[in-house]
């Protein structure tokens, strides 16, 4: 019987009976179950290769540099425009 069928059977049984405190698994049983489920889910993950990871890392670094340069240029232009306006008004 698969794990999903066991869970369905368990949920059907719990719907039929009122929940009792004794029926609830203990803390450590729940933690152990969580780790088992996490391990089975991690086996399903398709992890990227080192080449894909390297390409993605370089892409992120290039994008960060380009956006940083764009912000720096925009700030420099805005600063010069404000200074020019202040010089025109005689307060610079």
N, C-alpha and C. Protein backbone atom coordinates (compact mmCIF):
# COMPACT_ATOMS: atom_id res chain seq x y z
N UNK A 1 0.85 -1.17 0.00
CA UNK A 1 0.00 0.00 0.00
C UNK A 1 0.90 1.23 0.00
N UNK A 2 0.61 2.17 -0.90
CA UNK A 2 1.45 3.35 -0.99
C UNK A 2 1.20 4.28 0.19
N UNK A 3 2.10 5.22 0.35
CA UNK A 3 1.98 6.16 1.47
C UNK A 3 0.75 7.05 1.32
N UNK A 4 0.42 7.41 0.08
CA UNK A 4 -0.75 8.25 -0.14
C UNK A 4 -2.02 7.50 0.22
N UNK A 5 -2.08 6.20 -0.12
CA UNK A 5 -3.25 5.42 0.23
C UNK A 5 -3.38 5.30 1.75
N UNK A 6 -2.24 5.14 2.43
CA UNK A 6 -2.27 5.07 3.89
C UNK A 6 -2.79 6.38 4.48
N UNK A 7 -2.36 7.50 3.90
CA UNK A 7 -2.81 8.79 4.39
C UNK A 7 -4.30 8.97 4.15
N UNK A 8 -4.78 8.54 2.96
CA UNK A 8 -6.20 8.64 2.67
C UNK A 8 -7.01 7.78 3.63
N UNK A 9 -6.52 6.58 3.90
CA UNK A 9 -7.21 5.69 4.82
C UNK A 9 -7.23 6.29 6.22
N UNK A 10 -6.12 6.87 6.61
CA UNK A 10 -6.02 7.49 7.93
C UNK A 10 -6.96 8.67 8.04
N UNK A 11 -7.05 9.50 6.98
CA UNK A 11 -7.94 10.65 7.03
C UNK A 11 -9.40 10.22 7.04
N UNK A 12 -9.73 9.13 6.35
CA UNK A 12 -11.10 8.62 6.38
C UNK A 12 -11.46 8.16 7.78
N UNK A 13 -10.51 7.47 8.43
CA UNK A 13 -10.75 6.99 9.77
C UNK A 13 -10.91 8.14 10.75
N UNK A 14 -10.12 9.18 10.59
CA UNK A 14 -10.21 10.31 11.52
C UNK A 14 -11.48 11.11 11.30
N UNK A 15 -12.02 11.09 10.09
CA UNK A 15 -13.29 11.78 9.86
C UNK A 15 -14.44 11.04 10.51
N UNK A 16 -14.34 9.72 10.55
CA UNK A 16 -15.41 8.92 11.13
C UNK A 16 -15.43 9.01 12.65
N UNK A 17 -14.27 9.08 13.28
CA UNK A 17 -14.18 9.11 14.73
C UNK A 17 -13.92 10.54 15.21
N UNK A 18 -14.44 10.88 16.35
CA UNK A 18 -14.06 12.18 16.92
C UNK A 18 -12.60 12.14 17.36
N UNK A 19 -11.91 13.26 17.20
CA UNK A 19 -10.49 13.32 17.52
C UNK A 19 -10.29 13.26 19.03
N UNK A 20 -9.35 12.42 19.43
CA UNK A 20 -9.00 12.31 20.84
C UNK A 20 -7.55 12.76 20.99
N UNK A 21 -7.21 13.22 22.15
CA UNK A 21 -5.84 13.67 22.39
C UNK A 21 -4.86 12.50 22.26
N UNK A 22 -5.30 11.29 22.62
CA UNK A 22 -4.42 10.13 22.53
C UNK A 22 -4.13 9.76 21.08
N UNK A 23 -5.06 10.07 20.15
CA UNK A 23 -4.87 9.73 18.75
C UNK A 23 -3.82 10.60 18.07
N UNK A 24 -3.58 11.78 18.61
CA UNK A 24 -2.62 12.70 18.00
C UNK A 24 -1.20 12.20 18.28
N UNK A 25 -0.37 12.11 17.21
CA UNK A 25 1.00 11.64 17.44
C UNK A 25 1.79 12.64 18.28
N UNK A 26 2.78 12.14 18.97
CA UNK A 26 3.59 12.99 19.83
C UNK A 26 4.47 13.93 19.02
N UNK A 27 5.10 14.84 19.73
CA UNK A 27 5.94 15.85 19.10
C UNK A 27 7.06 15.22 18.28
N UNK A 28 7.77 14.28 18.87
CA UNK A 28 8.91 13.67 18.18
C UNK A 28 8.46 12.84 16.99
N UNK A 29 7.29 12.23 17.09
CA UNK A 29 6.76 11.46 15.96
C UNK A 29 6.43 12.40 14.80
N UNK A 30 5.89 13.56 15.13
CA UNK A 30 5.58 14.54 14.07
C UNK A 30 6.85 15.10 13.45
N UNK A 31 7.86 15.34 14.26
CA UNK A 31 9.13 15.85 13.74
C UNK A 31 9.78 14.80 12.83
N UNK A 32 9.77 13.55 13.28
CA UNK A 32 10.35 12.47 12.47
C UNK A 32 9.60 12.33 11.15
N UNK A 33 8.29 12.43 11.19
CA UNK A 33 7.49 12.34 9.96
C UNK A 33 7.82 13.50 9.02
N UNK A 34 7.99 14.69 9.59
CA UNK A 34 8.32 15.86 8.77
C UNK A 34 9.65 15.65 8.06
N UNK A 35 10.65 15.12 8.79
CA UNK A 35 11.95 14.88 8.16
C UNK A 35 11.86 13.80 7.08
N UNK A 36 11.08 12.75 7.31
CA UNK A 36 10.92 11.71 6.28
C UNK A 36 10.28 12.29 5.03
N UNK A 37 9.24 13.11 5.21
CA UNK A 37 8.57 13.72 4.06
C UNK A 37 9.49 14.70 3.34
N UNK A 38 10.29 15.45 4.12
CA UNK A 38 11.22 16.38 3.51
C UNK A 38 12.26 15.64 2.68
N UNK A 39 12.78 14.55 3.20
CA UNK A 39 13.77 13.75 2.48
C UNK A 39 13.19 13.21 1.18
N UNK A 40 11.95 12.73 1.22
CA UNK A 40 11.34 12.20 -0.01
C UNK A 40 11.10 13.31 -1.03
N UNK A 41 10.75 14.50 -0.57
CA UNK A 41 10.55 15.63 -1.49
C UNK A 41 11.87 16.09 -2.10
N UNK A 42 12.93 16.10 -1.30
CA UNK A 42 14.23 16.53 -1.82
C UNK A 42 14.78 15.56 -2.86
N UNK A 43 14.37 14.30 -2.79
CA UNK A 43 14.79 13.33 -3.81
C UNK A 43 14.14 13.64 -5.15
N UNK A 44 13.00 14.32 -5.14
CA UNK A 44 12.28 14.65 -6.37
C UNK A 44 12.83 15.90 -7.05
N UNK A 45 13.61 16.68 -6.33
CA UNK A 45 14.12 17.95 -6.86
C UNK A 45 15.15 17.69 -7.95
N UNK A 46 15.04 18.44 -9.03
CA UNK A 46 16.04 18.35 -10.09
C UNK A 46 17.04 19.48 -9.84
N UNK A 47 18.18 19.14 -9.28
CA UNK A 47 19.18 20.12 -8.92
C UNK A 47 19.92 20.59 -10.16
N UNK A 48 20.28 21.88 -10.21
CA UNK A 48 21.02 22.39 -11.38
C UNK A 48 22.44 21.85 -11.41
N UNK A 49 22.99 21.80 -12.60
CA UNK A 49 24.38 21.38 -12.74
C UNK A 49 25.28 22.54 -12.32
N UNK A 50 26.59 22.24 -12.18
CA UNK A 50 27.53 23.31 -11.82
C UNK A 50 27.61 24.36 -12.93
N UNK A 51 27.49 23.93 -14.17
CA UNK A 51 27.54 24.87 -15.29
C UNK A 51 26.34 25.81 -15.24
N UNK A 52 25.15 25.26 -14.97
CA UNK A 52 23.95 26.11 -14.87
C UNK A 52 24.07 27.07 -13.69
N UNK A 53 24.58 26.58 -12.57
CA UNK A 53 24.75 27.44 -11.39
C UNK A 53 25.73 28.56 -11.68
N UNK A 54 26.84 28.24 -12.34
CA UNK A 54 27.85 29.24 -12.69
C UNK A 54 27.26 30.28 -13.64
N UNK A 55 26.51 29.83 -14.67
CA UNK A 55 25.91 30.77 -15.62
C UNK A 55 24.90 31.68 -14.93
N UNK A 56 24.08 31.12 -14.05
CA UNK A 56 23.10 31.93 -13.33
C UNK A 56 23.78 32.94 -12.41
N UNK A 57 24.85 32.52 -11.76
CA UNK A 57 25.59 33.43 -10.88
C UNK A 57 26.19 34.58 -11.67
N UNK A 58 26.80 34.29 -12.80
CA UNK A 58 27.37 35.35 -13.63
C UNK A 58 26.29 36.30 -14.15
N UNK A 59 25.14 35.75 -14.51
CA UNK A 59 24.04 36.59 -14.98
C UNK A 59 23.60 37.56 -13.89
N UNK A 60 23.47 37.07 -12.67
CA UNK A 60 23.06 37.92 -11.55
C UNK A 60 24.10 39.00 -11.29
N UNK A 61 25.38 38.64 -11.31
CA UNK A 61 26.44 39.62 -11.05
C UNK A 61 26.44 40.71 -12.12
N UNK A 62 26.29 40.32 -13.39
CA UNK A 62 26.26 41.30 -14.49
C UNK A 62 25.05 42.22 -14.34
N UNK A 63 23.89 41.66 -14.01
CA UNK A 63 22.69 42.49 -13.84
C UNK A 63 22.84 43.47 -12.68
N UNK A 64 23.43 43.03 -11.58
CA UNK A 64 23.64 43.92 -10.44
C UNK A 64 24.57 45.06 -10.81
N UNK A 65 25.64 44.75 -11.55
CA UNK A 65 26.58 45.80 -11.96
C UNK A 65 25.90 46.79 -12.90
N UNK A 66 25.13 46.28 -13.87
CA UNK A 66 24.46 47.18 -14.81
C UNK A 66 23.44 48.08 -14.12
N UNK A 67 22.66 47.52 -13.22
CA UNK A 67 21.67 48.33 -12.50
C UNK A 67 22.37 49.34 -11.60
N UNK A 68 23.48 48.92 -10.97
CA UNK A 68 24.25 49.86 -10.14
C UNK A 68 24.80 51.01 -10.96
N UNK A 69 25.32 50.72 -12.15
CA UNK A 69 25.80 51.78 -13.03
C UNK A 69 24.68 52.71 -13.47
N UNK A 70 23.53 52.13 -13.78
CA UNK A 70 22.38 52.95 -14.18
C UNK A 70 21.98 53.90 -13.06
N UNK A 71 21.90 53.40 -11.85
CA UNK A 71 21.53 54.25 -10.71
C UNK A 71 22.60 55.32 -10.48
N UNK A 72 23.88 54.96 -10.60
CA UNK A 72 24.95 55.93 -10.41
C UNK A 72 24.88 57.04 -11.45
N UNK A 73 24.65 56.68 -12.73
CA UNK A 73 24.54 57.69 -13.79
C UNK A 73 23.33 58.58 -13.55
N UNK A 74 22.20 57.99 -13.19
CA UNK A 74 21.00 58.78 -12.93
C UNK A 74 21.23 59.74 -11.77
N UNK A 75 21.89 59.27 -10.72
CA UNK A 75 22.18 60.13 -9.58
C UNK A 75 23.12 61.27 -9.97
N UNK A 76 24.14 60.97 -10.78
CA UNK A 76 25.08 62.00 -11.23
C UNK A 76 24.37 63.06 -12.07
N UNK A 77 23.51 62.62 -12.99
CA UNK A 77 22.77 63.56 -13.84
C UNK A 77 21.83 64.40 -12.99
N UNK A 78 21.11 63.77 -12.06
CA UNK A 78 20.18 64.52 -11.21
C UNK A 78 20.94 65.53 -10.35
N UNK A 79 22.10 65.15 -9.83
CA UNK A 79 22.91 66.06 -9.03
C UNK A 79 23.33 67.27 -9.87
N UNK A 80 23.82 67.04 -11.09
CA UNK A 80 24.24 68.14 -11.95
C UNK A 80 23.08 69.04 -12.33
N UNK A 81 21.91 68.49 -12.58
CA UNK A 81 20.74 69.30 -12.92
C UNK A 81 20.35 70.18 -11.73
N UNK A 82 20.34 69.60 -10.54
CA UNK A 82 19.98 70.38 -9.35
C UNK A 82 21.01 71.47 -9.11
N UNK A 83 22.29 71.15 -9.26
CA UNK A 83 23.33 72.17 -9.06
C UNK A 83 23.22 73.28 -10.10
N UNK A 84 22.90 72.94 -11.35
CA UNK A 84 22.73 73.95 -12.39
C UNK A 84 21.56 74.87 -12.06
N UNK A 85 20.46 74.28 -11.60
CA UNK A 85 19.30 75.09 -11.24
C UNK A 85 19.62 75.99 -10.05
N UNK A 86 20.35 75.49 -9.09
CA UNK A 86 20.72 76.33 -7.94
C UNK A 86 21.68 77.45 -8.37
N UNK A 87 22.59 77.18 -9.28
CA UNK A 87 23.49 78.21 -9.79
C UNK A 87 22.72 79.28 -10.55
N UNK A 88 21.68 78.85 -11.30
CA UNK A 88 20.86 79.83 -12.02
C UNK A 88 20.11 80.73 -11.05
N UNK A 89 19.70 80.17 -9.94
CA UNK A 89 18.95 80.94 -8.95
C UNK A 89 19.87 81.75 -8.06
N UNK A 90 21.18 81.52 -8.18
CA UNK A 90 22.16 82.28 -7.41
C UNK A 90 22.33 81.77 -5.99
N UNK A 91 21.89 80.53 -5.70
CA UNK A 91 22.03 80.00 -4.35
C UNK A 91 23.06 78.86 -4.29
N UNK A 92 23.79 78.64 -5.35
CA UNK A 92 24.69 77.50 -5.37
C UNK A 92 26.10 77.78 -5.11
